[in-house]
Structure formats: C-alpha cells, structure tokens
C-alpha cells in the first residue's frame, strides 16, 4: 500500500509505503545517495538484504543533493559586499557529517 499524506499547515508531505517490495524499490533508488542518518538506512539495507553502497561525499556544483539536506537549520543570503550567494547550514556533527 502506498499513501501520500499532506497537511495544509506544513510545507511538506509524507510518502508512506508498507510492503517489503515497495521498501526495496525505494531503498535501491537512494542507495549511494544517503550521506546523513546513515545508521538508520544501513538497518534498512540489512533488513532488506541489500548491499549498502558508500556515497561520494564530495558534493559537486549544482548537485541536487544540496537542496534536499535534512535535519538542518540554515539560510541562503545574497552577500552584496562580495557579490555572491551564500548558503549557511547548521548540522549536527557526527562521523557521516564530517565526510
């Protein structure tokens, strides 16, 4: 079963899956893309008998990963004096974030 929940008072939706087949499909699609909360995803890989692929921690210019960071506080500002756009993020430091 697949369910999409949204709340008009929140800026996001929740995608809910409930079968092992659907979970395997999603986990295979994001394998080698997850860079934070890795231990939680490694449990899912183990449960689904899928080999975990270590991601490339070097984020290239224009990488869409940057727009999907989770568990962050931050801002995007235009620095007029230096004529540049800056992205400031606050991340909880752990072994995966340091990569």
Protein backbone atom coordinates (compact mmCIF):
# COMPACT_ATOMS: atom_id res chain seq x y z
CA UNK A 1 0.00 0.00 0.00
CA UNK A 2 1.23 3.48 -0.86
CA UNK A 3 -0.15 6.56 0.83
CA UNK A 4 0.66 10.24 0.43
CA UNK A 5 -0.25 12.47 3.38
CA UNK A 6 -0.12 16.23 3.29
CA UNK A 7 -1.12 18.90 5.74
CA UNK A 8 -2.08 22.35 4.50
CA UNK A 9 -0.38 23.85 7.58
CA UNK A 10 3.00 22.23 6.84
CA UNK A 11 5.36 22.74 3.88
CA UNK A 12 5.92 19.04 3.24
CA UNK A 13 4.15 15.76 2.52
CA UNK A 14 4.77 12.26 3.84
CA UNK A 15 5.11 9.31 1.45
CA UNK A 16 4.14 6.10 3.26
CA UNK A 17 4.91 2.62 1.96
CA UNK A 18 4.04 -0.59 3.74
CA UNK A 19 5.28 -3.61 1.80
CA UNK A 20 8.75 -5.07 1.62
CA UNK A 21 8.64 -4.86 -2.20
CA UNK A 22 7.94 -1.09 -2.09
CA UNK A 23 10.61 -0.58 0.57
CA UNK A 24 13.19 -2.43 -1.55
CA UNK A 25 12.29 -0.29 -4.56
CA UNK A 26 12.81 2.97 -2.64
CA UNK A 27 15.97 1.82 -0.84
CA UNK A 28 17.54 0.67 -4.13
CA UNK A 29 16.78 4.07 -5.69
CA UNK A 30 18.50 6.01 -2.90
CA UNK A 31 21.41 3.60 -2.33
CA UNK A 32 24.74 5.51 -2.52
CA UNK A 33 22.91 8.86 -2.22
CA UNK A 34 22.35 8.96 1.55
CA UNK A 35 25.07 10.94 3.34
CA UNK A 36 23.48 11.63 6.73
CA UNK A 37 21.36 9.43 9.02
CA UNK A 38 23.38 6.55 7.55
CA UNK A 39 22.99 4.14 10.50
CA UNK A 40 19.20 4.17 10.13
CA UNK A 41 19.42 3.45 6.41
CA UNK A 42 22.04 0.73 6.97
CA UNK A 43 19.50 -1.08 9.16
CA UNK A 44 17.01 -0.91 6.30
CA UNK A 45 19.61 -2.25 3.84
CA UNK A 46 20.37 -5.11 6.23
CA UNK A 47 16.68 -5.90 6.77
CA UNK A 48 16.02 -5.90 3.01
CA UNK A 49 19.22 -7.85 2.25
CA UNK A 50 20.59 -5.07 0.03
CA UNK A 51 24.30 -4.20 -0.10
CA UNK A 52 24.95 -0.66 1.16
CA UNK A 53 26.95 1.46 -1.30
CA UNK A 54 29.06 4.20 0.29
CA UNK A 55 28.23 7.60 -1.26
CA UNK A 56 30.64 10.10 -2.75
CA UNK A 57 30.94 12.76 -0.05
CA UNK A 58 32.28 15.37 -2.48
CA UNK A 59 29.23 17.39 -3.47
CA UNK A 60 29.73 18.81 -6.94
CA UNK A 61 28.47 22.18 -8.15
CA UNK A 62 24.74 22.16 -8.99
CA UNK A 63 24.24 18.81 -7.22
CA UNK A 64 20.55 18.41 -6.31
CA UNK A 65 21.58 16.74 -3.04
CA UNK A 66 22.25 20.17 -1.63
CA UNK A 67 18.57 21.12 -1.88
CA UNK A 68 17.45 18.01 0.00
CA UNK A 69 19.53 18.21 3.15
CA UNK A 70 17.57 17.11 6.19
CA UNK A 71 17.94 17.93 9.86
CA UNK A 72 19.44 21.31 9.12
CA UNK A 73 18.83 24.90 10.03
CA UNK A 74 20.19 27.48 7.73
CA UNK A 75 19.70 30.30 5.33
CA UNK A 76 20.53 31.38 1.83
CA UNK A 77 21.58 35.00 1.59
CA UNK A 78 22.96 37.34 -1.03
CA UNK A 79 26.20 38.90 0.17
CA UNK A 80 26.07 42.29 -1.57
CA UNK A 81 29.52 43.46 -0.50
CA UNK A 82 31.21 40.41 -2.05
CA UNK A 83 28.64 39.86 -4.82
CA UNK A 84 27.92 36.21 -4.01
CA UNK A 85 25.16 33.93 -2.76
CA UNK A 86 25.96 32.09 0.47
CA UNK A 87 24.32 29.02 1.90
CA UNK A 88 24.76 28.71 5.66
CA UNK A 89 23.87 25.37 7.25
CA UNK A 90 23.89 24.13 10.82
CA UNK A 91 24.39 20.37 11.00
CA UNK A 92 24.65 18.04 13.98
CA UNK A 93 28.28 16.86 13.84
CA UNK A 94 28.84 13.10 13.56
CA UNK A 95 31.01 10.64 11.62
CA UNK A 96 28.90 10.98 8.47
CA UNK A 97 28.63 14.78 8.50
CA UNK A 98 32.41 15.17 8.81
CA UNK A 99 32.80 13.40 5.44
